[in-house]
Amino acid sequence: MTEVTDAIRTAETFPQLIRATAARYGAEPAVVLSGEDIETETLSFIGLERVSAELARGMLARDVGKGTRIGIIAGNGPFFATAFAAIARMGGIAVPISTTIRANELVRVLRQSDVAGLIVQRTFLATDYVQRLIDALPELGTGNAAKLRIGATPYLRWIVSTGEGLPPTILDLSALTADAASVEESLLVEVEAEVSPSDQMVEIYTSGSMALPKGVKHNHGPVLFRAHYLQDMLGPQRGQQLTAALPMFWVGGLMMALLPNLAAGATTICTERTLRNSRMAMGSVLQEEDIKAMAGVKVIWGLGMSETLGPYSYGDELRAPGYPLCAPMDHFAAGYEVRVADADDNPVSEGMVGEIQVRGYPVTPGLHKIARDQYFTPDGFYHTGDMGFFQGSRLLFTGRNGDMIKTSGSNVSPAEVEFEMQQLDGIQAAYVLGLPDQERGQIVVAAVVIDEPVDFGAVEAKLKQRLSSYKVPRAYVAIRREDVPLLHSNKVARREIAAMLEERLGRIGA
């Protein structure tokens, strides 16, 4: 192992990583954006270091410092990688924002996240994000100063983007890089030297299907710890071309592609259409085509979340007999401690169902502006909201606590019913929920994405052969895939589906 390679493996902060990878891999391609309708962009390892250094010095010139919160709206590619690297290496906090976010959601995230600056890719998948910002914050379209003072986003002071026709309130990115000339490279080196593994590096915005967005904090040390671990697990090799199938503005693309690939010297191939941008919606059971797409993967992942910097568990097989909702968790990644606990946070005995709770070095130290005791136990375990039980050393997932349906005194896991429905011909996807019912408490109903006319009477008959009667939906509504409401985090908006079902089914649950 050379001294430079050793510097990569021992990096505990992003500044250490980016300088070590540039020294080791030089002009080799780091991030490539390609596609049928776009011009290919290639950024080398040394290019990523140099371009991000210039952007970092430009932000230093504008008084961005350690802990300054800077948002990024960008798809996978060199633009995202450069902005993220610039913020992280000079001690700022990168706040990636989903490119699927709508105007009203964008206002909430910008306000809740307290971002001071915003770096915006002008267009992505034919969407003009400057226009989306103006839709979200009309003051941007009428103001004449780039020093922002907007009540809806009180901490936001500047926005930069590219392209023609920028309003006076939004700076061209070149103005920021031009400021770099006033900051010596030696100052950036000194700034980077003061970035600590315990400093916050990134904040991932996510939301549950029934919750408002929340900012998940992660520090340099845990992020680099996980990047090295996932590099070993996923096995990227120097010079290997690997597609980033998931968006980098979420943990999936960031931790399962970009950072492990950078450390390994692999080339991250980006396309505008990731799994998110094409068809995949989280918060539901994987469909067979999703599973086929995972064929040949090196590791069968179990559970993971933004709060755990990706998957913390993995299994030896895709599904265990009788438990189809998630790969059985036979192993837990380094740095995590996992337990199953009751409502009072006391560990339960083997075979008893309880909440899966996780603690350890890679687990988020907290959520932005949310009291720690709302999500953590007194002894430091994170409330995942996932339910399961231990079978020996194997952990089996039974469903989400918040999604469980209580009907006639019995618990129904929506994911279990969705799985069985999706095995039936003609059903692309199913979303199972509980609607209020005076007699039963809740009744089980389903919104069903179909690709051809379906006889729901026959569907019900087949489900009764596979499920206990109380788990079988009592009503069905056919919907199109494009009608499935999504949150900006790409999770299915079950609250909106419930409202849709109540409207279409009338007083069936009265």
Protein backbone atom coordinates (compact mmCIF):
# COMPACT_ATOMS: atom_id res chain seq x y z
CA MET A 1 0.00 0.00 0.00
CA THR A 2 1.45 3.34 -1.07
CA GLU A 3 1.43 6.40 1.13
CA VAL A 4 -1.26 8.04 -1.07
CA THR A 5 -3.47 4.95 -1.03
CA ASP A 6 -3.08 4.77 2.73
CA ALA A 7 -4.17 8.43 2.93
CA ILE A 8 -7.39 7.49 1.14
CA ARG A 9 -8.13 4.55 3.42
CA THR A 10 -7.43 6.54 6.57
CA ALA A 11 -9.30 9.70 5.53
CA GLU A 12 -11.72 10.79 8.25
CA THR A 13 -12.87 14.03 6.66
CA PHE A 14 -13.91 14.92 3.15
CA PRO A 15 -11.01 17.38 2.62
CA GLN A 16 -8.59 14.55 3.33
CA LEU A 17 -10.43 12.25 0.93
CA ILE A 18 -10.66 14.61 -2.03
CA ARG A 19 -6.99 15.63 -1.91
CA ALA A 20 -5.85 12.02 -1.51
CA THR A 21 -7.99 10.75 -4.40
CA ALA A 22 -6.79 13.57 -6.68
CA ALA A 23 -3.17 12.68 -5.86
CA ARG A 24 -3.78 8.98 -6.42
CA TYR A 25 -6.05 8.91 -9.48
CA GLY A 26 -5.20 12.22 -11.19
CA ALA A 27 -6.66 12.60 -14.68
CA GLU A 28 -8.66 9.37 -14.55
CA PRO A 29 -12.42 10.00 -14.95
CA ALA A 30 -14.29 10.37 -11.67
CA VAL A 31 -17.82 11.41 -12.65
CA VAL A 32 -19.38 11.19 -16.11
CA LEU A 33 -22.81 12.41 -17.23
CA SER A 34 -24.07 10.89 -20.45
CA GLY A 35 -27.32 10.24 -22.27
CA GLU A 36 -29.01 10.15 -25.63
CA ASP A 37 -30.17 13.77 -25.59
CA ILE A 38 -27.34 15.42 -23.68
CA GLU A 39 -23.70 16.18 -24.34
CA THR A 40 -21.37 13.95 -22.35
CA GLU A 41 -19.61 15.65 -19.44
CA THR A 42 -16.51 14.12 -17.86
CA LEU A 43 -14.85 15.28 -14.66
CA SER A 44 -11.54 13.74 -13.60
CA PHE A 45 -10.41 13.23 -10.02
CA ILE A 46 -7.94 16.09 -10.27
CA GLY A 47 -10.61 18.16 -12.03
CA LEU A 48 -13.07 17.54 -9.22
CA GLU A 49 -10.47 18.66 -6.71
CA ARG A 50 -9.52 21.80 -8.62
CA VAL A 51 -13.00 22.93 -9.66
CA SER A 52 -14.44 22.31 -6.19
CA ALA A 53 -11.47 24.16 -4.65
CA GLU A 54 -12.24 27.21 -6.78
CA LEU A 55 -15.90 27.10 -5.78
CA ALA A 56 -14.93 26.63 -2.13
CA ARG A 57 -12.65 29.67 -2.26
CA GLY A 58 -15.47 31.66 -3.86
CA MET A 59 -17.77 30.77 -0.99
CA LEU A 60 -15.07 31.67 1.54
CA ALA A 61 -14.90 35.08 -0.13
CA ARG A 62 -18.63 35.45 0.57
CA ASP A 63 -18.15 34.69 4.26
CA VAL A 64 -19.27 31.08 4.09
CA GLY A 65 -17.55 29.25 6.93
CA LYS A 66 -17.68 26.19 9.09
CA GLY A 67 -21.26 25.18 9.74
CA THR A 68 -22.76 27.42 7.05
CA ARG A 69 -25.67 25.58 5.51
CA ILE A 70 -25.64 25.51 1.70
CA GLY A 71 -28.38 23.87 -0.34
CA ILE A 72 -27.88 22.01 -3.64
CA ILE A 73 -30.55 21.37 -6.24
CA ALA A 74 -28.99 19.18 -8.93
CA GLY A 75 -29.30 15.83 -10.60
CA ASN A 76 -26.57 13.21 -10.64
CA GLY A 77 -23.46 14.37 -12.46
CA PRO A 78 -20.37 16.59 -12.31
CA PHE A 79 -22.41 19.63 -11.23
CA PHE A 80 -23.71 17.89 -8.12
CA ALA A 81 -20.35 16.29 -7.31
CA THR A 82 -18.53 19.62 -7.58
CA ALA A 83 -21.02 21.58 -5.47
CA PHE A 84 -21.13 18.88 -2.81
CA ALA A 85 -17.33 18.60 -2.68
CA ALA A 86 -16.86 22.38 -2.46
CA ILE A 87 -19.23 22.73 0.48
CA ALA A 88 -17.95 19.68 2.37
CA ARG A 89 -14.23 20.39 2.00
CA MET A 90 -14.39 23.89 3.46
CA GLY A 91 -16.47 22.92 6.49
CA GLY A 92 -19.90 23.94 5.27
CA ILE A 93 -22.95 21.72 5.61
CA ALA A 94 -24.23 20.39 2.29
CA VAL A 95 -28.02 20.21 2.15
CA PRO A 96 -28.99 18.30 -1.02
CA ILE A 97 -32.59 18.90 -2.13
CA SER A 98 -34.62 16.54 -4.28
CA THR A 99 -35.05 17.52 -7.93
CA THR A 100 -38.61 16.18 -7.74
CA ILE A 101 -39.62 18.78 -5.16
CA ARG A 102 -42.62 20.99 -5.93
CA ALA A 103 -42.83 24.70 -5.25
CA ASN A 104 -44.81 24.53 -1.98
CA GLU A 105 -42.61 21.72 -0.66
CA LEU A 106 -39.49 23.66 -1.66
CA VAL A 107 -40.48 26.62 0.50
CA ARG A 108 -40.92 24.32 3.50
CA VAL A 109 -37.54 22.64 3.01
CA LEU A 110 -35.65 25.91 2.42
CA ARG A 111 -37.20 27.43 5.52
CA GLN A 112 -36.85 24.40 7.77
CA SER A 113 -33.24 23.73 6.70
CA ASP A 114 -32.02 27.31 7.41
CA VAL A 115 -29.85 27.33 4.28
CA ALA A 116 -27.88 30.54 3.78
CA GLY A 117 -26.95 29.86 0.16
CA LEU A 118 -28.30 27.75 -2.67
CA ILE A 119 -26.44 26.29 -5.67
CA VAL A 120 -28.89 25.37 -8.41
CA GLN A 121 -28.50 23.38 -11.62
CA ARG A 122 -30.46 25.44 -14.13
CA THR A 123 -32.25 22.60 -15.92
CA PHE A 124 -32.71 18.92 -15.26
CA LEU A 125 -35.10 16.61 -17.10
CA ALA A 126 -36.55 19.63 -18.91
CA THR A 127 -37.36 21.41 -15.64
CA ASP A 128 -36.11 24.98 -15.18
CA TYR A 129 -35.23 25.17 -11.51
CA VAL A 130 -34.83 28.93 -11.53
CA GLN A 131 -38.46 29.15 -12.60
CA ARG A 132 -39.42 26.63 -9.93
CA LEU A 133 -37.69 28.82 -7.34
CA ILE A 134 -39.60 31.84 -8.60
CA ASP A 135 -42.83 29.85 -8.37
CA ALA A 136 -41.91 28.97 -4.79
CA LEU A 137 -40.66 32.44 -3.83
CA PRO A 138 -42.34 35.10 -6.05
CA GLU A 139 -40.04 37.77 -4.56
CA LEU A 140 -37.24 36.31 -6.68
CA GLY A 141 -39.08 37.34 -9.82
CA THR A 142 -39.75 40.92 -8.73
CA GLY A 143 -36.69 41.86 -6.67
CA ASN A 144 -33.63 43.65 -8.04
CA ALA A 145 -30.92 42.66 -5.54
CA ALA A 146 -28.97 39.44 -5.12
CA LYS A 147 -28.69 39.95 -1.37
CA LEU A 148 -31.89 38.23 -0.39
CA ARG A 149 -34.22 39.23 2.43
CA ILE A 150 -37.28 36.99 2.09
CA GLY A 151 -39.58 36.37 5.04
CA ALA A 152 -40.59 32.86 3.92
CA THR A 153 -36.91 31.79 3.92
CA PRO A 154 -35.36 34.16 6.47
CA TYR A 155 -31.83 32.74 6.48
CA LEU A 156 -31.44 32.51 2.68
CA ARG A 157 -29.03 35.21 1.49
CA TRP A 158 -27.93 34.17 -2.01
CA ILE A 159 -28.69 31.83 -4.88
CA VAL A 160 -26.39 30.98 -7.80
CA SER A 161 -27.22 29.19 -11.03
CA THR A 162 -26.25 29.28 -14.70
CA GLY A 163 -27.71 30.12 -18.08
CA GLU A 164 -29.35 33.10 -19.73
CA GLY A 165 -32.16 35.17 -18.36
CA LEU A 166 -31.34 34.94 -14.65
CA PRO A 167 -33.32 37.47 -12.61
CA PRO A 168 -31.31 40.09 -10.67
CA THR A 169 -32.01 38.16 -7.48
CA ILE A 170 -30.04 35.11 -8.66
CA LEU A 171 -26.31 35.29 -9.32
CA ASP A 172 -24.55 33.57 -12.17
CA LEU A 173 -22.26 30.85 -10.85
CA SER A 174 -19.36 32.64 -12.53
CA ALA A 175 -19.75 35.51 -10.06
CA LEU A 176 -19.07 33.12 -7.22
CA THR A 177 -16.05 31.53 -8.87
CA ALA A 178 -14.72 34.97 -9.78
CA ASP A 179 -14.60 35.79 -6.08
CA ALA A 180 -12.17 32.90 -5.65
CA ALA A 181 -9.33 35.06 -6.91
CA SER A 182 -9.44 37.03 -3.66
CA VAL A 183 -8.80 33.90 -1.55
CA GLU A 184 -5.42 32.20 -1.65
CA GLU A 185 -5.16 28.44 -1.99
CA SER A 186 -3.11 28.49 1.22
CA LEU A 187 -6.13 29.80 3.13
CA LEU A 188 -8.28 26.95 1.84
CA VAL A 189 -5.62 24.52 3.05
CA GLU A 190 -5.76 26.07 6.52
CA VAL A 191 -9.57 25.98 6.49
CA GLU A 192 -9.56 22.30 5.52
CA ALA A 193 -7.12 21.51 8.31
CA GLU A 194 -9.72 22.67 10.83
CA VAL A 195 -12.46 20.39 9.53
CA SER A 196 -12.92 17.69 12.15
CA PRO A 197 -14.45 14.20 11.92
CA SER A 198 -17.00 15.44 14.49
CA ASP A 199 -18.08 18.40 12.31
CA GLN A 200 -21.36 18.07 10.45
CA MET A 201 -20.85 17.40 6.75
CA VAL A 202 -24.26 16.80 5.21
CA GLU A 203 -27.95 16.98 6.00
CA ILE A 204 -30.27 14.69 4.07
CA TYR A 205 -33.88 15.77 3.80
CA THR A 206 -36.33 12.94 4.00
CA SER A 207 -39.89 12.36 5.09
CA GLY A 208 -42.09 9.51 6.11
CA SER A 209 -45.28 8.81 4.19
CA MET A 210 -47.29 10.59 6.90
CA ALA A 211 -44.75 13.20 8.05
CA LEU A 212 -43.28 16.56 7.12
CA PRO A 213 -39.69 16.73 5.83
CA LYS A 214 -36.94 16.31 8.37
CA GLY A 215 -33.23 17.04 8.11
CA VAL A 216 -31.00 14.10 9.01
CA LYS A 217 -27.55 15.20 10.19
CA HIS A 218 -24.33 13.29 9.49
CA ASN A 219 -20.75 14.16 10.42
CA HIS A 220 -17.53 13.77 8.43
CA GLY A 221 -16.17 10.87 10.47
CA PRO A 222 -19.21 8.59 10.17
CA VAL A 223 -19.67 9.43 6.48
CA LEU A 224 -16.06 8.50 5.70
CA PHE A 225 -16.29 5.41 7.94
CA ARG A 226 -19.30 4.23 5.94
CA ALA A 227 -17.74 5.14 2.59
CA HIS A 228 -14.75 2.90 3.34
CA TYR A 229 -17.00 0.10 4.62
CA LEU A 230 -19.31 0.23 1.61
CA GLN A 231 -16.30 0.35 -0.70
CA ASP A 232 -15.26 -3.01 0.71
CA MET A 233 -18.79 -4.41 0.61
CA LEU A 234 -19.70 -3.25 -2.89
CA GLY A 235 -16.25 -3.84 -4.32
CA PRO A 236 -15.77 -1.00 -6.84
CA GLN A 237 -12.39 -1.19 -8.57
CA ARG A 238 -10.09 1.49 -9.92
CA GLY A 239 -11.06 2.36 -13.48
CA GLN A 240 -14.33 0.41 -13.32
CA GLN A 241 -17.36 2.19 -14.76
CA LEU A 242 -20.32 1.98 -12.38
CA THR A 243 -23.74 3.53 -12.92
CA ALA A 244 -25.25 5.58 -10.11
CA ALA A 245 -28.74 4.09 -10.19
CA LEU A 246 -30.08 6.19 -7.29
CA PRO A 247 -30.13 9.97 -6.80
CA MET A 248 -27.14 11.47 -5.02
CA PHE A 249 -29.35 13.95 -3.19
CA TRP A 250 -30.41 10.98 -1.04
CA VAL A 251 -28.33 8.55 0.95
CA GLY A 252 -28.74 5.85 -1.71
CA GLY A 253 -26.80 7.55 -4.49
CA LEU A 254 -24.40 9.37 -2.19
CA MET A 255 -23.32 6.44 -0.02
CA MET A 256 -23.87 3.50 -2.37
CA ALA A 257 -22.25 5.09 -5.42
CA LEU A 258 -20.49 8.46 -5.35
CA LEU A 259 -18.38 8.26 -2.19
CA PRO A 260 -17.31 4.57 -2.35
CA ASN A 261 -16.50 5.00 -6.05
CA LEU A 262 -14.40 8.10 -5.37
CA ALA A 263 -12.44 6.27 -2.70
CA ALA A 264 -11.85 3.29 -4.98
CA GLY A 265 -10.95 5.26 -8.10
CA ALA A 266 -13.98 3.93 -9.98
CA THR A 267 -15.84 6.07 -12.51
CA THR A 268 -19.37 7.01 -11.49
CA ILE A 269 -21.55 7.01 -14.61
CA CYS A 270 -24.57 9.29 -14.28
CA THR A 271 -27.68 9.56 -16.42
CA GLU A 272 -30.51 12.00 -15.98
CA ARG A 273 -32.96 9.17 -15.39
CA THR A 274 -32.11 7.33 -12.19
CA LEU A 275 -34.43 4.72 -10.72
CA ARG A 276 -36.27 7.54 -8.98
CA ASN A 277 -36.71 9.59 -12.10
CA SER A 278 -37.96 6.69 -14.18
CA ARG A 279 -40.51 4.71 -12.23
CA MET A 280 -39.54 3.47 -8.81
CA ALA A 281 -41.48 4.74 -5.80
CA MET A 282 -40.31 3.95 -2.28
CA GLY A 283 -42.62 3.11 0.56
CA SER A 284 -44.11 0.05 -1.11
CA VAL A 285 -43.16 -3.57 -1.68
CA LEU A 286 -40.58 -4.16 -4.39
CA GLN A 287 -42.13 -5.46 -7.57
CA GLU A 288 -40.74 -8.37 -9.53
CA GLU A 289 -39.12 -6.09 -12.11
CA ASP A 290 -37.32 -4.28 -9.29
CA ILE A 291 -36.05 -7.58 -7.95
CA LYS A 292 -34.88 -8.67 -11.42
CA ALA A 293 -32.95 -5.41 -11.69
CA MET A 294 -31.07 -6.40 -8.55
CA ALA A 295 -30.04 -9.78 -9.95
CA GLY A 296 -26.35 -10.46 -9.53
CA VAL A 297 -25.80 -7.90 -6.79
CA LYS A 298 -22.94 -8.74 -4.47
CA VAL A 299 -24.85 -8.16 -1.24
CA ILE A 300 -28.51 -8.80 -0.40
CA TRP A 301 -29.34 -5.73 1.65
CA GLY A 302 -31.91 -5.73 4.41
CA LEU A 303 -33.01 -2.58 6.18
CA GLY A 304 -31.47 0.86 6.08
CA MET A 305 -32.51 4.48 6.14
CA SER A 306 -31.20 8.01 5.85
CA GLU A 307 -30.67 8.05 9.60
CA THR A 308 -28.28 5.08 9.40
CA LEU A 309 -26.35 6.29 6.33
CA GLY A 310 -27.85 3.53 4.23
CA PRO A 311 -28.28 -0.18 4.87
CA TYR A 312 -27.17 -1.39 8.28
CA SER A 313 -28.15 -5.02 7.69
CA TYR A 314 -27.94 -7.69 5.04
CA GLY A 315 -28.95 -11.29 4.51
CA ASP A 316 -27.89 -14.54 2.96
CA GLU A 317 -31.06 -14.90 0.88
CA LEU A 318 -33.54 -12.57 -0.76
CA ARG A 319 -36.60 -13.76 1.14
CA ALA A 320 -37.27 -16.08 4.05
CA PRO A 321 -40.25 -18.45 3.80
CA GLY A 322 -43.31 -16.74 5.22
CA TYR A 323 -41.61 -13.33 5.46
CA PRO A 324 -41.61 -11.78 1.99
CA LEU A 325 -41.40 -8.11 2.91
CA CYS A 326 -37.64 -7.75 3.34
CA ALA A 327 -34.50 -9.81 3.04
CA PRO A 328 -33.88 -11.61 6.35
CA MET A 329 -31.21 -9.80 8.29
CA ASP A 330 -28.51 -12.35 9.02
CA HIS A 331 -25.69 -9.82 9.46
CA PHE A 332 -25.28 -6.27 10.72
CA ALA A 333 -22.75 -3.84 9.33
CA ALA A 334 -19.81 -2.64 11.38
CA GLY A 335 -20.55 0.11 13.86
CA TYR A 336 -24.22 -0.69 14.54
CA GLU A 337 -25.97 -2.19 17.54
CA VAL A 338 -29.49 -3.45 16.85
CA ARG A 339 -32.22 -4.52 19.24
CA VAL A 340 -35.96 -5.21 19.22
CA ALA A 341 -37.84 -3.37 21.98
CA ASP A 342 -41.35 -2.92 23.37
CA ALA A 343 -43.30 0.32 23.71
CA ASP A 344 -41.30 1.17 26.85
CA ASP A 345 -37.98 0.65 25.00
CA ASN A 346 -37.20 -2.55 26.88
CA PRO A 347 -35.63 -5.36 24.81
CA VAL A 348 -38.07 -8.19 24.09
CA SER A 349 -37.44 -11.92 24.08
CA GLU A 350 -36.59 -13.90 20.97
CA GLY A 351 -39.69 -14.47 18.83
CA MET A 352 -41.57 -11.43 20.18
CA VAL A 353 -42.41 -8.63 17.75
CA GLY A 354 -41.27 -5.15 18.67
CA GLU A 355 -39.71 -2.03 17.24
CA ILE A 356 -36.30 -2.38 15.64
CA GLN A 357 -33.97 0.16 17.26
CA VAL A 358 -30.44 1.06 16.15
CA ARG A 359 -27.52 2.93 17.67
CA GLY A 360 -23.84 3.31 16.80
CA TYR A 361 -21.19 5.52 15.26
CA PRO A 362 -22.80 5.80 11.78
CA VAL A 363 -26.27 6.62 13.14
CA THR A 364 -27.33 10.26 12.84
CA PRO A 365 -26.40 12.37 15.87
CA GLY A 366 -29.77 14.09 15.57
CA LEU A 367 -32.40 15.71 13.39
CA HIS A 368 -32.29 19.41 12.59
CA LYS A 369 -34.42 21.51 14.95
CA ILE A 370 -36.08 18.44 16.48
CA ALA A 371 -35.53 17.50 20.12
CA ARG A 372 -33.43 14.36 20.41
CA ASP A 373 -35.85 12.59 22.74
CA GLN A 374 -38.51 12.59 20.02
CA TYR A 375 -36.54 10.04 18.00
CA PHE A 376 -34.00 8.53 20.43
CA THR A 377 -34.35 6.40 23.53
CA PRO A 378 -32.65 7.60 26.74
CA ASP A 379 -29.84 5.09 26.12
CA GLY A 380 -29.22 6.33 22.59
CA PHE A 381 -31.10 3.95 20.29
CA TYR A 382 -32.86 5.45 17.27
CA HIS A 383 -36.55 4.71 16.84
CA THR A 384 -36.69 3.31 13.29
CA GLY A 385 -40.44 2.68 13.28
CA ASP A 386 -39.75 -0.72 11.71
CA MET A 387 -41.22 -3.77 13.39
CA GLY A 388 -39.65 -7.21 13.57
CA PHE A 389 -38.45 -10.06 15.75
CA PHE A 390 -35.33 -12.12 16.29
CA GLN A 391 -35.26 -15.75 15.25
CA GLY A 392 -31.98 -16.81 16.76
CA SER A 393 -29.45 -14.34 15.40
CA ARG A 394 -31.63 -13.62 12.33
CA LEU A 395 -33.86 -10.53 12.39
CA LEU A 396 -37.11 -10.69 10.42
CA PHE A 397 -39.03 -7.59 9.35
CA THR A 398 -42.82 -7.62 9.79
CA GLY A 399 -43.86 -4.09 8.76
CA ARG A 400 -43.85 -0.40 9.60
CA ASN A 401 -45.29 0.60 12.96
CA GLY A 402 -46.94 3.75 11.65
CA ASP A 403 -48.49 1.95 8.68
CA MET A 404 -50.11 -0.88 10.63
CA ILE A 405 -53.88 -1.16 10.24
CA LYS A 406 -55.96 -2.05 13.32
CA THR A 407 -59.15 -3.80 12.24
CA SER A 408 -61.51 -5.64 14.61
CA GLY A 409 -58.71 -5.91 17.17
CA SER A 410 -56.19 -7.43 14.73
CA ASN A 411 -53.09 -5.88 13.22
CA VAL A 412 -52.66 -5.89 9.45
CA SER A 413 -49.33 -5.11 7.78
CA PRO A 414 -50.06 -3.22 4.54
CA ALA A 415 -46.80 -4.44 3.05
CA GLU A 416 -47.83 -8.08 3.49
CA VAL A 417 -51.12 -7.53 1.65
CA GLU A 418 -49.39 -5.45 -1.04
CA PHE A 419 -46.92 -8.24 -1.63
CA GLU A 420 -49.64 -10.83 -2.16
CA MET A 421 -51.60 -8.52 -4.45
CA GLN A 422 -48.58 -7.84 -6.61
CA GLN A 423 -48.21 -11.55 -7.31
CA LEU A 424 -51.52 -11.51 -9.19
CA ASP A 425 -51.74 -11.03 -12.95
CA GLY A 426 -52.56 -7.52 -14.12
CA ILE A 427 -51.57 -5.74 -10.89
CA GLN A 428 -48.49 -3.52 -11.21
CA ALA A 429 -48.59 -2.14 -7.69
CA ALA A 430 -50.90 -1.93 -4.71
CA TYR A 431 -51.17 0.52 -1.83
CA VAL A 432 -53.11 -0.82 1.13
CA LEU A 433 -54.45 1.46 3.85
CA GLY A 434 -56.96 1.58 6.69
CA LEU A 435 -60.00 3.86 6.56
CA PRO A 436 -62.06 4.73 9.67
CA ASP A 437 -64.91 2.35 10.44
CA GLN A 438 -67.34 2.66 13.35
CA GLU A 439 -67.68 -1.07 13.84
CA ARG A 440 -64.14 -2.35 13.18
CA GLY A 441 -62.04 0.70 13.98
CA GLN A 442 -60.52 0.55 10.51
CA ILE A 443 -61.29 -1.34 7.34
CA VAL A 444 -58.66 -2.50 4.86
CA VAL A 445 -58.87 -0.90 1.40
CA ALA A 446 -56.51 -0.83 -1.58
CA ALA A 447 -55.52 1.54 -4.36
CA VAL A 448 -54.38 -0.65 -7.25
CA VAL A 449 -52.21 0.27 -10.24
CA ILE A 450 -53.30 -1.94 -13.13
CA ASP A 451 -52.01 -2.39 -16.67
CA GLU A 452 -55.20 -4.05 -17.96
CA PRO A 453 -58.81 -4.44 -16.78
CA VAL A 454 -58.94 -6.51 -13.59
CA ASP A 455 -61.80 -8.45 -12.01
CA PHE A 456 -61.51 -7.38 -8.39
CA GLY A 457 -63.95 -10.08 -7.36
CA ALA A 458 -61.47 -12.65 -8.63
CA VAL A 459 -58.65 -10.75 -6.92
CA GLU A 460 -60.50 -10.91 -3.61
CA ALA A 461 -61.15 -14.63 -4.02
CA LYS A 462 -57.47 -15.33 -4.63
CA LEU A 463 -56.40 -13.19 -1.69
CA LYS A 464 -58.73 -15.12 0.60
CA GLN A 465 -56.81 -18.24 -0.37
CA ARG A 466 -53.50 -16.60 0.61
CA LEU A 467 -54.38 -14.39 3.57
CA SER A 468 -56.48 -14.45 6.71
CA SER A 469 -59.89 -12.99 5.95
CA TYR A 470 -59.39 -9.89 8.09
CA LYS A 471 -56.35 -8.94 5.97
CA VAL A 472 -58.23 -9.01 2.65
CA PRO A 473 -59.24 -5.54 1.40
CA ARG A 474 -62.96 -4.81 1.49
CA ALA A 475 -62.79 -2.28 -1.32
CA TYR A 476 -60.54 -1.58 -4.31
CA VAL A 477 -59.91 1.52 -6.42
CA ALA A 478 -58.04 1.29 -9.72
CA ILE A 479 -55.55 4.10 -10.37
CA ARG A 480 -52.87 4.89 -12.94
CA ARG A 481 -49.18 4.84 -12.02
CA GLU A 482 -48.89 8.56 -12.78
CA ASP A 483 -51.70 9.21 -10.26
CA VAL A 484 -49.73 7.76 -7.34
CA PRO A 485 -48.99 10.81 -5.14
CA LEU A 486 -45.38 11.13 -4.02
CA LEU A 487 -43.62 13.21 -1.42
CA HIS A 488 -40.49 15.10 -2.50
CA SER A 489 -38.46 12.26 -1.00
CA ASN A 490 -40.15 9.90 -3.51
CA LYS A 491 -41.97 8.02 -0.79
CA VAL A 492 -45.60 7.25 -1.47
CA ALA A 493 -47.85 9.88 0.12
CA ARG A 494 -50.19 7.50 1.92
CA ARG A 495 -52.14 10.32 3.50
CA GLU A 496 -53.05 11.58 0.03
CA ILE A 497 -53.92 8.07 -1.15
CA ALA A 498 -56.17 7.68 1.90
CA ALA A 499 -57.95 10.94 1.03
CA MET A 500 -58.32 9.76 -2.57
CA LEU A 501 -59.84 6.47 -1.44
CA GLU A 502 -62.22 8.17 0.99
CA GLU A 503 -63.41 10.47 -1.79
CA ARG A 504 -63.94 7.69 -4.33
CA LEU A 505 -65.43 5.16 -1.93
CA GLY A 506 -67.81 7.61 -0.27
CA ARG A 507 -69.02 6.56 3.14
CA ILE A 508 -67.98 2.94 2.93
CA GLY A 509 -66.07 3.36 6.18
CA ALA A 510 -68.78 5.37 8.00
